[in-house]
Amino acid sequence: MTVRIIALLIARAGKAGELKALLRGMVPHCRAEPGNLRWDIWQDRSQADRYVLDELYEDDDAVAAHRETPHYRYYLAGIHDLADRTAVVLEPVEVGIPKP
């Protein structure tokens, strides 16, 4: 069963540039992980210091493996100094496939 993680990150005062750099640095590592299906960063149009991470994994094992990677541990060690973070782990109930 796929697992989606949505994280809302709001940069602390004066930290928006550092937050964006940290997130962008994670992209190639996260997308290359076995079991990762998506790892996208979204920026709020109305509040430029607010970001949303949209992650999709094949299953719980892929999420657990992600959390053991060096890049995730580096992210976790620094994120609380850069942003307020709320993460939600979701499982599908009724999910459609996007049309091209």
N, C-alpha and C. Protein backbone atom coordinates (compact mmCIF):
# COMPACT_ATOMS: atom_id res chain seq x y z
N MET A 1 0.85 -1.17 0.00
CA MET A 1 0.00 0.00 0.00
C MET A 1 0.90 1.24 0.00
N THR A 2 0.62 2.16 -0.89
CA THR A 2 1.41 3.39 -0.96
C THR A 2 1.20 4.26 0.28
N VAL A 3 2.21 5.08 0.55
CA VAL A 3 2.16 5.99 1.68
C VAL A 3 2.53 7.38 1.17
N ARG A 4 1.70 8.37 1.48
CA ARG A 4 1.99 9.76 1.11
C ARG A 4 2.30 10.52 2.39
N ILE A 5 3.33 11.35 2.31
CA ILE A 5 3.66 12.25 3.42
C ILE A 5 3.56 13.67 2.89
N ILE A 6 2.81 14.48 3.59
CA ILE A 6 2.69 15.89 3.27
C ILE A 6 3.28 16.65 4.47
N ALA A 7 4.25 17.49 4.19
CA ALA A 7 4.86 18.29 5.27
C ALA A 7 4.70 19.76 4.93
N LEU A 8 4.22 20.52 5.88
CA LEU A 8 4.11 21.97 5.75
C LEU A 8 5.26 22.59 6.53
N LEU A 9 6.05 23.40 5.85
CA LEU A 9 7.21 24.05 6.47
C LEU A 9 7.07 25.55 6.32
N ILE A 10 7.15 26.25 7.43
CA ILE A 10 7.10 27.72 7.42
C ILE A 10 8.44 28.20 7.95
N ALA A 11 9.18 28.90 7.09
CA ALA A 11 10.53 29.35 7.44
C ALA A 11 10.50 30.28 8.65
N ARG A 12 11.46 30.12 9.50
CA ARG A 12 11.65 31.05 10.60
C ARG A 12 12.16 32.38 10.02
N ALA A 13 12.02 33.45 10.75
CA ALA A 13 12.41 34.78 10.29
C ALA A 13 13.85 34.78 9.78
N GLY A 14 14.03 35.25 8.55
CA GLY A 14 15.35 35.35 7.95
C GLY A 14 15.95 34.04 7.47
N LYS A 15 15.18 32.94 7.52
CA LYS A 15 15.71 31.62 7.17
C LYS A 15 15.12 31.04 5.88
N ALA A 16 14.32 31.80 5.15
CA ALA A 16 13.65 31.26 3.96
C ALA A 16 14.64 30.77 2.92
N GLY A 17 15.71 31.51 2.67
CA GLY A 17 16.70 31.09 1.68
C GLY A 17 17.41 29.82 2.09
N GLU A 18 17.77 29.70 3.36
CA GLU A 18 18.42 28.48 3.84
C GLU A 18 17.48 27.28 3.76
N LEU A 19 16.22 27.50 4.09
CA LEU A 19 15.23 26.43 4.01
C LEU A 19 15.09 25.94 2.58
N LYS A 20 14.93 26.88 1.65
CA LYS A 20 14.78 26.49 0.25
C LYS A 20 16.00 25.72 -0.25
N ALA A 21 17.19 26.16 0.13
CA ALA A 21 18.41 25.47 -0.28
C ALA A 21 18.48 24.05 0.30
N LEU A 22 18.10 23.90 1.57
CA LEU A 22 18.10 22.58 2.18
C LEU A 22 17.14 21.65 1.45
N LEU A 23 15.93 22.12 1.18
CA LEU A 23 14.93 21.30 0.52
C LEU A 23 15.38 20.92 -0.89
N ARG A 24 15.88 21.89 -1.64
CA ARG A 24 16.32 21.61 -3.02
C ARG A 24 17.49 20.63 -3.02
N GLY A 25 18.34 20.70 -2.02
CA GLY A 25 19.45 19.76 -1.92
C GLY A 25 19.00 18.33 -1.66
N MET A 26 17.83 18.15 -1.09
CA MET A 26 17.29 16.83 -0.80
C MET A 26 16.73 16.13 -2.04
N VAL A 27 16.31 16.90 -3.02
CA VAL A 27 15.56 16.36 -4.16
C VAL A 27 16.26 15.18 -4.84
N PRO A 28 17.48 15.31 -5.33
CA PRO A 28 18.06 14.18 -6.07
C PRO A 28 18.27 12.94 -5.21
N HIS A 29 18.58 13.14 -3.94
CA HIS A 29 18.80 12.00 -3.05
C HIS A 29 17.50 11.25 -2.78
N CYS A 30 16.45 11.99 -2.46
CA CYS A 30 15.17 11.37 -2.14
C CYS A 30 14.56 10.68 -3.35
N ARG A 31 14.63 11.33 -4.49
CA ARG A 31 14.04 10.74 -5.70
C ARG A 31 14.78 9.49 -6.14
N ALA A 32 16.03 9.35 -5.76
CA ALA A 32 16.83 8.18 -6.15
C ALA A 32 16.64 6.99 -5.21
N GLU A 33 15.95 7.18 -4.12
CA GLU A 33 15.76 6.09 -3.16
C GLU A 33 14.87 4.99 -3.74
N PRO A 34 15.25 3.72 -3.49
CA PRO A 34 14.34 2.63 -3.87
C PRO A 34 13.03 2.81 -3.09
N GLY A 35 11.93 2.64 -3.75
CA GLY A 35 10.63 2.77 -3.09
C GLY A 35 10.06 4.17 -3.08
N ASN A 36 10.83 5.16 -3.55
CA ASN A 36 10.31 6.51 -3.64
C ASN A 36 9.62 6.67 -5.00
N LEU A 37 8.38 7.14 -4.97
CA LEU A 37 7.62 7.35 -6.20
C LEU A 37 7.52 8.83 -6.57
N ARG A 38 7.63 9.71 -5.56
CA ARG A 38 7.57 11.18 -5.76
C ARG A 38 8.24 11.86 -4.61
N TRP A 39 8.85 12.98 -4.91
CA TRP A 39 9.38 13.85 -3.85
C TRP A 39 9.39 15.24 -4.43
N ASP A 40 8.35 16.00 -4.16
CA ASP A 40 8.16 17.31 -4.77
C ASP A 40 8.10 18.40 -3.72
N ILE A 41 8.60 19.57 -4.10
CA ILE A 41 8.54 20.76 -3.25
C ILE A 41 7.59 21.75 -3.90
N TRP A 42 6.69 22.29 -3.11
CA TRP A 42 5.76 23.32 -3.56
C TRP A 42 5.97 24.56 -2.69
N GLN A 43 5.86 25.73 -3.30
CA GLN A 43 5.98 26.99 -2.56
C GLN A 43 4.65 27.72 -2.65
N ASP A 44 4.20 28.24 -1.53
CA ASP A 44 2.93 28.96 -1.46
C ASP A 44 3.05 30.27 -2.24
N ARG A 45 2.13 30.51 -3.16
CA ARG A 45 2.13 31.74 -3.96
C ARG A 45 1.89 32.99 -3.12
N SER A 46 1.11 32.85 -2.07
CA SER A 46 0.74 34.03 -1.28
C SER A 46 1.64 34.25 -0.07
N GLN A 47 2.43 33.25 0.28
CA GLN A 47 3.33 33.36 1.43
C GLN A 47 4.64 32.65 1.05
N ALA A 48 5.59 33.41 0.53
CA ALA A 48 6.80 32.84 -0.07
C ALA A 48 7.69 32.07 0.90
N ASP A 49 7.49 32.24 2.19
CA ASP A 49 8.31 31.50 3.15
C ASP A 49 7.64 30.20 3.60
N ARG A 50 6.56 29.80 2.90
CA ARG A 50 5.83 28.58 3.24
C ARG A 50 5.98 27.56 2.11
N TYR A 51 6.42 26.36 2.47
CA TYR A 51 6.66 25.28 1.52
C TYR A 51 5.86 24.05 1.92
N VAL A 52 5.54 23.24 0.92
CA VAL A 52 4.89 21.96 1.15
C VAL A 52 5.73 20.88 0.47
N LEU A 53 6.09 19.85 1.23
CA LEU A 53 6.72 18.67 0.65
C LEU A 53 5.63 17.66 0.38
N ASP A 54 5.66 17.10 -0.82
CA ASP A 54 4.69 16.09 -1.24
C ASP A 54 5.50 14.84 -1.59
N GLU A 55 5.45 13.84 -0.72
CA GLU A 55 6.25 12.64 -0.87
C GLU A 55 5.34 11.43 -1.05
N LEU A 56 5.75 10.51 -1.91
CA LEU A 56 4.98 9.30 -2.12
C LEU A 56 5.93 8.11 -2.15
N TYR A 57 5.61 7.09 -1.37
CA TYR A 57 6.45 5.90 -1.24
C TYR A 57 5.64 4.65 -1.55
N GLU A 58 6.34 3.61 -1.98
CA GLU A 58 5.67 2.35 -2.32
C GLU A 58 4.96 1.73 -1.12
N ASP A 59 5.60 1.84 0.06
CA ASP A 59 5.05 1.19 1.25
C ASP A 59 5.75 1.71 2.51
N ASP A 60 5.35 1.17 3.64
CA ASP A 60 5.93 1.59 4.91
C ASP A 60 7.42 1.28 4.99
N ASP A 61 7.85 0.18 4.38
CA ASP A 61 9.28 -0.16 4.39
C ASP A 61 10.10 0.91 3.68
N ALA A 62 9.57 1.47 2.59
CA ALA A 62 10.28 2.53 1.87
C ALA A 62 10.36 3.79 2.70
N VAL A 63 9.31 4.09 3.47
CA VAL A 63 9.33 5.25 4.37
C VAL A 63 10.39 5.03 5.45
N ALA A 64 10.40 3.84 6.03
CA ALA A 64 11.38 3.53 7.08
C ALA A 64 12.80 3.63 6.53
N ALA A 65 13.02 3.14 5.32
CA ALA A 65 14.36 3.22 4.70
C ALA A 65 14.74 4.68 4.46
N HIS A 66 13.79 5.49 4.01
CA HIS A 66 14.03 6.92 3.79
C HIS A 66 14.52 7.58 5.08
N ARG A 67 13.89 7.25 6.17
CA ARG A 67 14.22 7.89 7.45
C ARG A 67 15.58 7.45 8.01
N GLU A 68 16.17 6.43 7.41
CA GLU A 68 17.50 5.96 7.84
C GLU A 68 18.62 6.50 6.95
N THR A 69 18.29 7.24 5.90
CA THR A 69 19.32 7.73 4.98
C THR A 69 20.11 8.88 5.60
N PRO A 70 21.36 9.05 5.18
CA PRO A 70 22.15 10.18 5.67
C PRO A 70 21.53 11.54 5.32
N HIS A 71 20.94 11.66 4.14
CA HIS A 71 20.36 12.95 3.76
C HIS A 71 19.13 13.29 4.60
N TYR A 72 18.32 12.29 4.95
CA TYR A 72 17.18 12.57 5.82
C TYR A 72 17.64 12.96 7.22
N ARG A 73 18.65 12.27 7.74
CA ARG A 73 19.17 12.60 9.07
C ARG A 73 19.76 14.01 9.10
N TYR A 74 20.44 14.40 8.01
CA TYR A 74 20.98 15.75 7.91
C TYR A 74 19.84 16.78 7.91
N TYR A 75 18.81 16.49 7.13
CA TYR A 75 17.62 17.35 7.08
C TYR A 75 17.00 17.48 8.47
N LEU A 76 16.78 16.36 9.13
CA LEU A 76 16.13 16.36 10.43
C LEU A 76 16.96 17.10 11.48
N ALA A 77 18.27 17.02 11.38
CA ALA A 77 19.14 17.70 12.34
C ALA A 77 19.06 19.22 12.22
N GLY A 78 18.74 19.74 11.03
CA GLY A 78 18.74 21.18 10.82
C GLY A 78 17.39 21.83 10.63
N ILE A 79 16.36 21.05 10.35
CA ILE A 79 15.09 21.64 9.95
C ILE A 79 14.45 22.48 11.06
N HIS A 80 14.61 22.08 12.31
CA HIS A 80 13.93 22.80 13.39
C HIS A 80 14.52 24.19 13.62
N ASP A 81 15.76 24.41 13.22
CA ASP A 81 16.35 25.74 13.30
C ASP A 81 15.89 26.64 12.15
N LEU A 82 15.42 26.01 11.07
CA LEU A 82 15.04 26.76 9.87
C LEU A 82 13.55 26.99 9.72
N ALA A 83 12.73 26.09 10.28
CA ALA A 83 11.30 26.18 9.99
C ALA A 83 10.46 25.52 11.08
N ASP A 84 9.20 25.96 11.15
CA ASP A 84 8.18 25.22 11.87
C ASP A 84 7.70 24.15 10.91
N ARG A 85 7.56 22.94 11.39
CA ARG A 85 7.26 21.81 10.50
C ARG A 85 6.11 20.99 11.05
N THR A 86 5.15 20.71 10.17
CA THR A 86 4.06 19.81 10.49
C THR A 86 4.01 18.76 9.38
N ALA A 87 4.09 17.49 9.76
CA ALA A 87 4.05 16.42 8.76
C ALA A 87 2.86 15.51 9.04
N VAL A 88 2.23 15.06 7.96
CA VAL A 88 1.10 14.15 8.05
C VAL A 88 1.41 12.94 7.17
N VAL A 89 1.27 11.74 7.75
CA VAL A 89 1.49 10.50 7.01
C VAL A 89 0.11 9.95 6.65
N LEU A 90 -0.10 9.73 5.35
CA LEU A 90 -1.43 9.37 4.84
C LEU A 90 -1.42 8.01 4.16
N GLU A 91 -2.55 7.33 4.23
CA GLU A 91 -2.74 6.12 3.44
C GLU A 91 -3.94 6.33 2.53
N PRO A 92 -3.93 5.68 1.37
CA PRO A 92 -5.01 5.93 0.41
C PRO A 92 -6.35 5.36 0.88
N VAL A 93 -7.38 6.10 0.56
CA VAL A 93 -8.74 5.65 0.77
C VAL A 93 -9.40 5.50 -0.60
N GLU A 94 -9.41 6.59 -1.35
CA GLU A 94 -9.93 6.60 -2.73
C GLU A 94 -9.06 7.57 -3.50
N VAL A 95 -8.15 7.06 -4.31
CA VAL A 95 -7.18 7.89 -5.00
C VAL A 95 -7.28 7.64 -6.50
N GLY A 96 -7.40 8.73 -7.25
CA GLY A 96 -7.44 8.63 -8.70
C GLY A 96 -6.07 8.79 -9.30
N ILE A 97 -5.92 8.39 -10.53
CA ILE A 97 -4.68 8.54 -11.26
C ILE A 97 -4.80 9.80 -12.10
N PRO A 98 -3.83 10.75 -11.97
CA PRO A 98 -3.93 11.98 -12.76
C PRO A 98 -3.94 11.71 -14.26
N LYS A 99 -4.71 12.50 -14.96
CA LYS A 99 -4.77 12.37 -16.43
C LYS A 99 -3.64 13.20 -17.03
N PRO A 100 -3.06 12.74 -18.13
CA PRO A 100 -1.95 13.49 -18.75
C PRO A 100 -2.37 14.84 -19.29
